[in-house]
Amino acid sequence: MTMDKSLRVRKGSASNRGVLTRAERITKLKEQERWQDGRSPLGLPKVRVFKMAMKKKKKAKEEGADAATPAAAGKAAAPAAKKK
């Protein structure tokens, strides 16, 4: 029997999870120095999960950099001259 498309696991779809496993929470608590050895792993305190977001490059800077070059300035002036 085939599997429905919505149930398939894709390699590229590894997104940020909002919930950590118990072991991951304990390691985060150890990094933050909030974990004491010998403590029960049940009833752990909440641990904040930070989402990693990639910043997008601004297009305005790229366009401004192109206009600053003499070759790009000549290309921009040529279409304006043709319109007149």
PDB file of N, CA and C in Angstrom:
ATOM      1  N   MET A   1       0.831  -1.163   0.000  1.00  0.00           N
ATOM      2  CA  MET A   1       0.000   0.000   0.000  1.00  0.00           C
ATOM      3  C   MET A   1       0.893   1.250   0.000  1.00  0.00           C
ATOM      4  N   THR A   2       0.488   2.287  -0.702  1.00  0.00           N
ATOM      5  CA  THR A   2       1.286   3.507  -0.761  1.00  0.00           C
ATOM      6  C   THR A   2       0.947   4.432   0.404  1.00  0.00           C
ATOM      7  N   MET A   3       1.904   5.289   0.711  1.00  0.00           N
ATOM      8  CA  MET A   3       1.734   6.233   1.809  1.00  0.00           C
ATOM      9  C   MET A   3       1.226   7.564   1.266  1.00  0.00           C
ATOM     10  N   ASP A   4       0.326   8.191   1.982  1.00  0.00           N
ATOM     11  CA  ASP A   4      -0.204   9.479   1.575  1.00  0.00           C
ATOM     12  C   ASP A   4       0.907  10.535   1.587  1.00  0.00           C
ATOM     13  N   LYS A   5       0.855  11.502   0.669  1.00  0.00           N
ATOM     14  CA  LYS A   5       1.893  12.520   0.558  1.00  0.00           C
ATOM     15  C   LYS A   5       2.038  13.342   1.831  1.00  0.00           C
ATOM     16  N   SER A   6       0.955  13.588   2.527  1.00  0.00           N
ATOM     17  CA  SER A   6       1.026  14.414   3.725  1.00  0.00           C
ATOM     18  C   SER A   6       1.741  13.707   4.879  1.00  0.00           C
ATOM     19  N   LEU A   7       1.848  12.389   4.826  1.00  0.00           N
ATOM     20  CA  LEU A   7       2.476  11.628   5.904  1.00  0.00           C
ATOM     21  C   LEU A   7       3.951  11.341   5.655  1.00  0.00           C
ATOM     22  N   ARG A   8       4.428  11.640   4.455  1.00  0.00           N
ATOM     23  CA  ARG A   8       5.833  11.362   4.143  1.00  0.00           C
ATOM     24  C   ARG A   8       6.742  12.345   4.861  1.00  0.00           C
ATOM     25  N   VAL A   9       7.918  11.869   5.228  1.00  0.00           N
ATOM     26  CA  VAL A   9       8.912  12.707   5.871  1.00  0.00           C
ATOM     27  C   VAL A   9       9.889  13.153   4.804  1.00  0.00           C
ATOM     28  N   ARG A  10      10.036  14.448   4.682  1.00  0.00           N
ATOM     29  CA  ARG A  10      10.965  14.999   3.684  1.00  0.00           C
ATOM     30  C   ARG A  10      12.254  15.403   4.384  1.00  0.00           C
ATOM     31  N   LYS A  11      13.354  15.267   3.679  1.00  0.00           N
ATOM     32  CA  LYS A  11      14.643  15.621   4.265  1.00  0.00           C
ATOM     33  C   LYS A  11      14.752  17.122   4.498  1.00  0.00           C
ATOM     34  N   GLY A  12      14.252  17.925   3.588  1.00  0.00           N
ATOM     35  CA  GLY A  12      14.397  19.369   3.687  1.00  0.00           C
ATOM     36  C   GLY A  12      13.403  20.032   4.610  1.00  0.00           C
ATOM     37  N   SER A  13      12.454  19.305   5.128  1.00  0.00           N
ATOM     38  CA  SER A  13      11.414  19.930   5.938  1.00  0.00           C
ATOM     39  C   SER A  13      11.707  19.849   7.434  1.00  0.00           C
ATOM     40  N   ALA A  14      12.955  19.801   7.813  1.00  0.00           N
ATOM     41  CA  ALA A  14      13.303  19.765   9.236  1.00  0.00           C
ATOM     42  C   ALA A  14      13.153  21.177   9.785  1.00  0.00           C
ATOM     43  N   SER A  15      12.030  21.454  10.413  1.00  0.00           N
ATOM     44  CA  SER A  15      11.768  22.791  10.916  1.00  0.00           C
ATOM     45  C   SER A  15      12.079  22.862  12.401  1.00  0.00           C
ATOM     46  N   ASN A  16      11.978  24.057  12.935  1.00  0.00           N
ATOM     47  CA  ASN A  16      12.214  24.234  14.367  1.00  0.00           C
ATOM     48  C   ASN A  16      11.090  23.584  15.153  1.00  0.00           C
ATOM     49  N   ARG A  17      11.472  22.825  16.152  1.00  0.00           N
ATOM     50  CA  ARG A  17      10.469  22.183  16.998  1.00  0.00           C
ATOM     51  C   ARG A  17      10.202  23.070  18.192  1.00  0.00           C
ATOM     52  N   GLY A  18       8.978  23.080  18.638  1.00  0.00           N
ATOM     53  CA  GLY A  18       8.618  23.874  19.799  1.00  0.00           C
ATOM     54  C   GLY A  18       8.767  23.110  21.097  1.00  0.00           C
ATOM     55  N   VAL A  19       8.981  21.804  21.010  1.00  0.00           N
ATOM     56  CA  VAL A  19       9.059  20.966  22.204  1.00  0.00           C
ATOM     57  C   VAL A  19      10.368  20.198  22.177  1.00  0.00           C
ATOM     58  N   LEU A  20      11.070  20.180  23.317  1.00  0.00           N
ATOM     59  CA  LEU A  20      12.317  19.425  23.432  1.00  0.00           C
ATOM     60  C   LEU A  20      12.062  18.113  24.143  1.00  0.00           C
ATOM     61  N   THR A  21      12.886  17.122  23.846  1.00  0.00           N
ATOM     62  CA  THR A  21      12.796  15.863  24.574  1.00  0.00           C
ATOM     63  C   THR A  21      13.348  16.070  25.984  1.00  0.00           C
ATOM     64  N   ARG A  22      13.119  15.123  26.842  1.00  0.00           N
ATOM     65  CA  ARG A  22      13.576  15.240  28.223  1.00  0.00           C
ATOM     66  C   ARG A  22      15.098  15.367  28.280  1.00  0.00           C
ATOM     67  N   ALA A  23      15.795  14.570  27.470  1.00  0.00           N
ATOM     68  CA  ALA A  23      17.259  14.624  27.458  1.00  0.00           C
ATOM     69  C   ALA A  23      17.759  15.981  26.964  1.00  0.00           C
ATOM     70  N   GLU A  24      17.097  16.540  25.949  1.00  0.00           N
ATOM     71  CA  GLU A  24      17.491  17.849  25.433  1.00  0.00           C
ATOM     72  C   GLU A  24      17.248  18.939  26.480  1.00  0.00           C
ATOM     73  N   ARG A  25      16.154  18.821  27.220  1.00  0.00           N
ATOM     74  CA  ARG A  25      15.867  19.806  28.259  1.00  0.00           C
ATOM     75  C   ARG A  25      16.905  19.750  29.367  1.00  0.00           C
ATOM     76  N   ILE A  26      17.343  18.542  29.720  1.00  0.00           N
ATOM     77  CA  ILE A  26      18.349  18.405  30.775  1.00  0.00           C
ATOM     78  C   ILE A  26      19.671  19.008  30.321  1.00  0.00           C
ATOM     79  N   THR A  27      20.062  18.780  29.064  1.00  0.00           N
ATOM     80  CA  THR A  27      21.318  19.366  28.572  1.00  0.00           C
ATOM     81  C   THR A  27      21.231  20.884  28.549  1.00  0.00           C
ATOM     82  N   LYS A  28      20.078  21.441  28.166  1.00  0.00           N
ATOM     83  CA  LYS A  28      19.904  22.901  28.178  1.00  0.00           C
ATOM     84  C   LYS A  28      20.003  23.438  29.607  1.00  0.00           C
ATOM     85  N   LEU A  29      19.398  22.725  30.557  1.00  0.00           N
ATOM     86  CA  LEU A  29      19.464  23.154  31.951  1.00  0.00           C
ATOM     87  C   LEU A  29      20.894  23.095  32.478  1.00  0.00           C
ATOM     88  N   LYS A  30      21.666  22.096  32.048  1.00  0.00           N
ATOM     89  CA  LYS A  30      23.067  22.002  32.460  1.00  0.00           C
ATOM     90  C   LYS A  30      23.869  23.163  31.889  1.00  0.00           C
ATOM     91  N   GLU A  31      23.591  23.544  30.637  1.00  0.00           N
ATOM     92  CA  GLU A  31      24.288  24.679  30.019  1.00  0.00           C
ATOM     93  C   GLU A  31      23.983  25.972  30.771  1.00  0.00           C
ATOM     94  N   GLN A  32      22.749  26.101  31.245  1.00  0.00           N
ATOM     95  CA  GLN A  32      22.336  27.303  31.967  1.00  0.00           C
ATOM     96  C   GLN A  32      22.668  27.215  33.456  1.00  0.00           C
ATOM     97  N   GLU A  33      23.278  26.110  33.870  1.00  0.00           N
ATOM     98  CA  GLU A  33      23.658  25.848  35.262  1.00  0.00           C
ATOM     99  C   GLU A  33      22.442  25.886  36.182  1.00  0.00           C
ATOM    100  N   ARG A  34      21.329  25.319  35.716  1.00  0.00           N
ATOM    101  CA  ARG A  34      20.100  25.234  36.504  1.00  0.00           C
ATOM    102  C   ARG A  34      19.785  23.788  36.895  1.00  0.00           C
ATOM    103  N   TRP A  35      20.698  22.859  36.612  1.00  0.00           N
ATOM    104  CA  TRP A  35      20.469  21.437  36.880  1.00  0.00           C
ATOM    105  C   TRP A  35      21.402  20.965  37.976  1.00  0.00           C
ATOM    106  N   GLN A  36      20.839  20.320  39.008  1.00  0.00           N
ATOM    107  CA  GLN A  36      21.649  19.732  40.068  1.00  0.00           C
ATOM    108  C   GLN A  36      21.666  18.219  39.864  1.00  0.00           C
ATOM    109  N   ASP A  37      22.842  17.613  40.031  1.00  0.00           N
ATOM    110  CA  ASP A  37      22.953  16.160  39.890  1.00  0.00           C
ATOM    111  C   ASP A  37      22.130  15.471  40.973  1.00  0.00           C
ATOM    112  N   GLY A  38      21.519  14.345  40.622  1.00  0.00           N
ATOM    113  CA  GLY A  38      20.712  13.599  41.562  1.00  0.00           C
ATOM    114  C   GLY A  38      19.258  14.046  41.579  1.00  0.00           C
ATOM    115  N   ARG A  39      18.935  15.049  40.813  1.00  0.00           N
ATOM    116  CA  ARG A  39      17.562  15.551  40.753  1.00  0.00           C
ATOM    117  C   ARG A  39      16.705  14.625  39.902  1.00  0.00           C
ATOM    118  N   SER A  40      15.436  14.546  40.179  1.00  0.00           N
ATOM    119  CA  SER A  40      14.521  13.699  39.410  1.00  0.00           C
ATOM    120  C   SER A  40      14.301  14.300  38.016  1.00  0.00           C
ATOM    121  N   PRO A  41      14.326  13.474  36.972  1.00  0.00           N
ATOM    122  CA  PRO A  41      14.090  13.992  35.620  1.00  0.00           C
ATOM    123  C   PRO A  41      12.613  14.278  35.344  1.00  0.00           C
ATOM    124  N   LEU A  42      11.753  14.000  36.310  1.00  0.00           N
ATOM    125  CA  LEU A  42      10.327  14.278  36.148  1.00  0.00           C
ATOM    126  C   LEU A  42      10.014  15.673  36.683  1.00  0.00           C
ATOM    127  N   GLY A  43       9.106  16.346  36.044  1.00  0.00           N
ATOM    128  CA  GLY A  43       8.708  17.681  36.484  1.00  0.00           C
ATOM    129  C   GLY A  43       9.778  18.717  36.244  1.00  0.00           C
ATOM    130  N   LEU A  44      10.397  18.669  35.068  1.00  0.00           N
ATOM    131  CA  LEU A  44      11.459  19.622  34.746  1.00  0.00           C
ATOM    132  C   LEU A  44      10.885  21.023  34.542  1.00  0.00           C
ATOM    133  N   PRO A  45      11.672  22.046  34.846  1.00  0.00           N
ATOM    134  CA  PRO A  45      11.210  23.407  34.568  1.00  0.00           C
ATOM    135  C   PRO A  45      11.192  23.673  33.066  1.00  0.00           C
ATOM    136  N   LYS A  46      10.465  24.704  32.684  1.00  0.00           N
ATOM    137  CA  LYS A  46      10.365  25.043  31.262  1.00  0.00           C
ATOM    138  C   LYS A  46      11.698  25.553  30.751  1.00  0.00           C
ATOM    139  N   VAL A  47      11.963  25.244  29.478  1.00  0.00           N
ATOM    140  CA  VAL A  47      13.188  25.696  28.824  1.00  0.00           C
ATOM    141  C   VAL A  47      12.780  26.396  27.537  1.00  0.00           C
ATOM    142  N   ARG A  48      13.253  27.596  27.359  1.00  0.00           N
ATOM    143  CA  ARG A  48      12.907  28.386  26.167  1.00  0.00           C
ATOM    144  C   ARG A  48      13.619  27.816  24.958  1.00  0.00           C
ATOM    145  N   VAL A  49      12.872  27.676  23.854  1.00  0.00           N
ATOM    146  CA  VAL A  49      13.431  27.185  22.601  1.00  0.00           C
ATOM    147  C   VAL A  49      13.512  28.364  21.645  1.00  0.00           C
ATOM    148  N   PHE A  50      14.730  28.728  21.255  1.00  0.00           N
ATOM    149  CA  PHE A  50      14.916  29.847  20.345  1.00  0.00           C
ATOM    150  C   PHE A  50      14.840  29.363  18.912  1.00  0.00           C
ATOM    151  N   LYS A  51      14.108  30.087  18.088  1.00  0.00           N
ATOM    152  CA  LYS A  51      14.001  29.745  16.680  1.00  0.00           C
ATOM    153  C   LYS A  51      15.115  30.449  15.928  1.00  0.00           C
ATOM    154  N   MET A  52      15.749  29.715  15.053  1.00  0.00           N
ATOM    155  CA  MET A  52      16.803  30.286  14.235  1.00  0.00           C
ATOM    156  C   MET A  52      16.179  30.858  12.977  1.00  0.00           C
ATOM    157  N   ALA A  53      16.400  32.125  12.737  1.00  0.00           N
ATOM    158  CA  ALA A  53      15.854  32.770  11.551  1.00  0.00           C
ATOM    159  C   ALA A  53      17.002  33.360  10.753  1.00  0.00           C
ATOM    160  N   MET A  54      16.984  33.099   9.464  1.00  0.00           N
ATOM    161  CA  MET A  54      18.002  33.647   8.577  1.00  0.00           C
ATOM    162  C   MET A  54      17.551  35.026   8.125  1.00  0.00           C
ATOM    163  N   LYS A  55      18.456  35.989   8.186  1.00  0.00           N
ATOM    164  CA  LYS A  55      18.121  37.333   7.737  1.00  0.00           C
ATOM    165  C   LYS A  55      18.232  37.396   6.223  1.00  0.00           C
ATOM    166  N   LYS A  56      17.257  38.049   5.625  1.00  0.00           N
ATOM    167  CA  LYS A  56      17.280  38.205   4.178  1.00  0.00           C
ATOM    168  C   LYS A  56      18.056  39.462   3.821  1.00  0.00           C
ATOM    169  N   LYS A  57      18.768  39.412   2.700  1.00  0.00           N
ATOM    170  CA  LYS A  57      19.514  40.577   2.244  1.00  0.00           C
ATOM    171  C   LYS A  57      18.544  41.610   1.707  1.00  0.00           C
ATOM    172  N   LYS A  58      18.845  42.845   1.969  1.00  0.00           N
ATOM    173  CA  LYS A  58      17.988  43.919   1.489  1.00  0.00           C
ATOM    174  C   LYS A  58      18.292  44.194   0.018  1.00  0.00           C
ATOM    175  N   LYS A  59      17.248  44.301  -0.788  1.00  0.00           N
ATOM    176  CA  LYS A  59      17.422  44.552  -2.216  1.00  0.00           C
ATOM    177  C   LYS A  59      17.819  45.994  -2.491  1.00  0.00           C
ATOM    178  N   ALA A  60      17.441  46.905  -1.634  1.00  0.00           N
ATOM    179  CA  ALA A  60      17.755  48.315  -1.847  1.00  0.00           C
ATOM    180  C   ALA A  60      19.263  48.539  -1.845  1.00  0.00           C
ATOM    181  N   LYS A  61      19.970  47.839  -0.979  1.00  0.00           N
ATOM    182  CA  LYS A  61      21.426  47.986  -0.947  1.00  0.00           C
ATOM    183  C   LYS A  61      22.050  47.431  -2.220  1.00  0.00           C
ATOM    184  N   GLU A  62      21.525  46.320  -2.714  1.00  0.00           N
ATOM    185  CA  GLU A  62      22.063  45.722  -3.932  1.00  0.00           C
ATOM    186  C   GLU A  62      21.828  46.647  -5.126  1.00  0.00           C
ATOM    187  N   GLU A  63      20.635  47.244  -5.213  1.00  0.00           N
ATOM    188  CA  GLU A  63      20.344  48.154  -6.311  1.00  0.00           C
ATOM    189  C   GLU A  63      21.197  49.401  -6.210  1.00  0.00           C
ATOM    190  N   GLY A  64      21.399  49.891  -5.002  1.00  0.00           N
ATOM    191  CA  GLY A  64      22.227  51.075  -4.802  1.00  0.00           C
ATOM    192  C   GLY A  64      23.674  50.800  -5.160  1.00  0.00           C
ATOM    193  N   ALA A  65      24.157  49.600  -4.901  1.00  0.00           N
ATOM    194  CA  ALA A  65      25.529  49.236  -5.233  1.00  0.00           C
ATOM    195  C   ALA A  65      25.696  49.130  -6.748  1.00  0.00           C
ATOM    196  N   ASP A  66      24.673  48.640  -7.445  1.00  0.00           N
ATOM    197  CA  ASP A  66      24.739  48.536  -8.898  1.00  0.00           C
ATOM    198  C   ASP A  66      24.755  49.915  -9.547  1.00  0.00           C
ATOM    199  N   ALA A  67      23.992  50.834  -9.015  1.00  0.00           N
ATOM    200  CA  ALA A  67      23.921  52.173  -9.593  1.00  0.00           C
ATOM    201  C   ALA A  67      25.212  52.935  -9.356  1.00  0.00           C
ATOM    202  N   ALA A  68      25.972  52.569  -8.330  1.00  0.00           N
ATOM    203  CA  ALA A  68      27.209  53.266  -8.013  1.00  0.00           C
ATOM    204  C   ALA A  68      28.326  52.908  -8.991  1.00  0.00           C
ATOM    205  N   THR A  69      28.239  51.765  -9.637  1.00  0.00           N
ATOM    206  CA  THR A  69      29.290  51.386 -10.577  1.00  0.00           C
ATOM    207  C   THR A  69      29.112  52.145 -11.883  1.00  0.00           C
ATOM    208  N   PRO A  70      30.191  52.534 -12.557  1.00  0.00           N
ATOM    209  CA  PRO A  70      30.066  53.315 -13.789  1.00  0.00           C
ATOM    210  C   PRO A  70      29.377  52.539 -14.913  1.00  0.00           C
ATOM    211  N   ALA A  71      29.603  51.231 -14.985  1.00  0.00           N
ATOM    212  CA  ALA A  71      28.990  50.444 -16.057  1.00  0.00           C
ATOM    213  C   ALA A  71      27.478  50.416 -15.897  1.00  0.00           C
ATOM    214  N   ALA A  72      27.026  50.258 -14.652  1.00  0.00           N
ATOM    215  CA  ALA A  72      25.592  50.225 -14.400  1.00  0.00           C
ATOM    216  C   ALA A  72      24.969  51.594 -14.633  1.00  0.00           C
ATOM    217  N   ALA A  73      25.718  52.655 -14.336  1.00  0.00           N
ATOM    218  CA  ALA A  73      25.198  54.006 -14.538  1.00  0.00           C
ATOM    219  C   ALA A  73      25.033  54.281 -16.026  1.00  0.00           C
ATOM    220  N   GLY A  74      25.954  53.787 -16.837  1.00  0.00           N
ATOM    221  CA  GLY A  74      25.865  53.962 -18.290  1.00  0.00           C
ATOM    222  C   GLY A  74      24.689  53.199 -18.859  1.00  0.00           C
ATOM    223  N   LYS A  75      24.432  52.001 -18.331  1.00  0.00           N
ATOM    224  CA  LYS A  75      23.298  51.194 -18.788  1.00  0.00           C
ATOM    225  C   LYS A  75      21.983  51.844 -18.400  1.00  0.00           C
ATOM    226  N   ALA A  76      21.941  52.452 -17.224  1.00  0.00           N
ATOM    227  CA  ALA A  76      20.712  53.101 -16.764  1.00  0.00           C
ATOM    228  C   ALA A  76      20.442  54.364 -17.574  1.00  0.00           C
ATOM    229  N   ALA A  77      21.491  55.056 -17.993  1.00  0.00           N
ATOM    230  CA  ALA A  77      21.318  56.302 -18.749  1.00  0.00           C
ATOM    231  C   ALA A  77      20.903  56.000 -20.191  1.00  0.00           C
ATOM    232  N   ALA A  78      21.358  54.893 -20.738  1.00  0.00           N
ATOM    233  CA  ALA A  78      21.045  54.560 -22.142  1.00  0.00           C
ATOM    234  C   ALA A  78      19.553  54.342 -22.366  1.00  0.00           C
ATOM    235  N   PRO A  79      18.831  53.582 -21.525  1.00  0.00           N
ATOM    236  CA  PRO A  79      17.387  53.431 -21.758  1.00  0.00           C
ATOM    237  C   PRO A  79      16.638  54.747 -21.597  1.00  0.00           C
ATOM    238  N   ALA A  80      17.103  55.603 -20.709  1.00  0.00           N
ATOM    239  CA  ALA A  80      16.434  56.895 -20.509  1.00  0.00           C
ATOM    240  C   ALA A  80      16.594  57.765 -21.753  1.00  0.00           C
ATOM    241  N   ALA A  81      17.762  57.661 -22.402  1.00  0.00           N
ATOM    242  CA  ALA A  81      18.021  58.456 -23.613  1.00  0.00           C
ATOM    243  C   ALA A  81      17.168  57.930 -24.769  1.00  0.00           C
ATOM    244  N   LYS A  82      16.916  56.624 -24.817  1.00  0.00           N
ATOM    245  CA  LYS A  82      16.124  56.040 -25.904  1.00  0.00           C
ATOM    246  C   LYS A  82      14.665  56.440 -25.794  1.00  0.00           C
ATOM    247  N   LYS A  83      14.174  56.632 -24.585  1.00  0.00           N
ATOM    248  CA  LYS A  83      12.767  56.979 -24.376  1.00  0.00           C
ATOM    249  C   LYS A  83      12.455  58.382 -24.881  1.00  0.00           C
ATOM    250  N   LYS A  84      13.438  59.270 -24.830  1.00  0.00           N
ATOM    251  CA  LYS A  84      13.199  60.666 -25.237  1.00  0.00           C
ATOM    252  C   LYS A  84      13.156  60.788 -26.697  1.00  0.00           C
TER     253      LYS A  84
END
